[in-house]
Amino acid sequence: MRTHVTIIGAGLGGLTLARVLHVHGIPATVYEAEHSATARAQGGMLDIHENNGRPALEAAGLIEEFRALVLEGRQAARALAPDGAVLHDEPDDGTGGRPEVLRGELRRILLDSLPADTVRWGHKVSGVRALGDGRHEVTFADGGSVTTSLLVGADGAWSRVRPLLSDAVPEYVGTSFVETYLFDADTRHPATAKAVGGGAMFALAPGKGIQAHRESGGTLHTYVALRRTLDWFAGVDFTDTGAAAARIAAEFDGWAPELTALITDGETAPVLRPLHTLPVEHRWDRVPGVTLLGDAAHLMVPSGEGANLAMYDGAELGKALASHPDDTEAALTAYEQAMFARSAEEAIEAVQLHELMFGDDSPHGLIAMFTGAERTS
């Protein structure tokens, strides 16, 4: 009989794992702290990569559903100077290999592809303990519990499952994002909409930047980056929307108003997103009956790879379990060894990209990367 898989976390990685297991006839249950699929927004645009996100969707049998979600034209990218001058402009000519979708829509097609009782909402994990012989008990905040012989932590940066395998704790990298939105921007904020363009926009300087992406229609989703201590951000009152926006915008004094409007005219409360990472080569010794995927396993600075890697982890773990029906430990060993190697490589590249974006040479290193990619394509 196939081992029933217990997955903690209904993000893209956990759901991809559940779907690939379902494709192979392996039963799984996903426990999620949120109370429903619509309990919170799921983030913004996500570009699906040919080397990891797309193969994951192929393994899940969801390529056609994915294609229906792609927003045309969103692979455009431009870099602006603080005064709004265009430093680099790369249109979406339809040949790019990283189609853009809304993260929430991608999650929806994964949820829709699973049997109705697969995801158990409102199950916040309060503790996990080993019982011996590869079995583990997961307790929930409502007092319930479940015992499993195969536990997968797909529960993100602050994973409750990770301590079963590793003592590593995420550390602050010194930079935080502040998230804002503008809606109906082409009509209500035309200068800002023109500055952002049809896809992604980066306006960067050493230690800070304004990054925005056009989502569906005229929605502009912004991540303002600042290299400041957590204590500095603690001094910003994010419960006072206007004061918080003004305080963040003050760090961009003298920048073009069409750029700072992404902060000052934000139509949602600004949300602080401190960036944390696990060690670049985070790994652990094999522990029977449990493993990790996605940010729980290899949290890194944003590089466009995190969600793609999580989905690929889920697909590869699902395929490994399907190909070793009588030896779960062999499946987990094969999965982990490959995952350790690929995630370490991606984490190193993510650190390098972060330095290009916010280091002393910003934005020139990033632009050189863009133009170099053009010359070799």
Foldseek 3Di string as FASTA:
>chain_A
DFFEEEEEALALLSLLLCLLLVVLVHHYAYEYQAQDLVSDFDDFKAWAAPPFRVVSCVSSVCVVVVVVFFDPWAVWEWEAELQLHTPDTGTCPPPDRTTMGTRSSSSVVSCVSHPPRRYDYNFAWDAKDDPDPQKIKTAGPVGDIDIGSAYEYAPAQQTRQLVVWDPWHWDFPQKKWKKFKDPPCCPVPVLLLVSCPAHKYWHFAAQWTWIWTQGPDRMIIIITMGRHDPVVVVPQPLVPQQSNLVVSLVVSPPGHPSRSCRRNVGPDRIDMGTAIWTPLLADGDDDGRYYYAFNSGTRAGDDSCRSSRSSRLSSQLSVLCSVCRPCNSVSVVVSRVVSSVVSSVVRVVRVVVVCCRHNNPPVVSVVCVVVVVVVVD
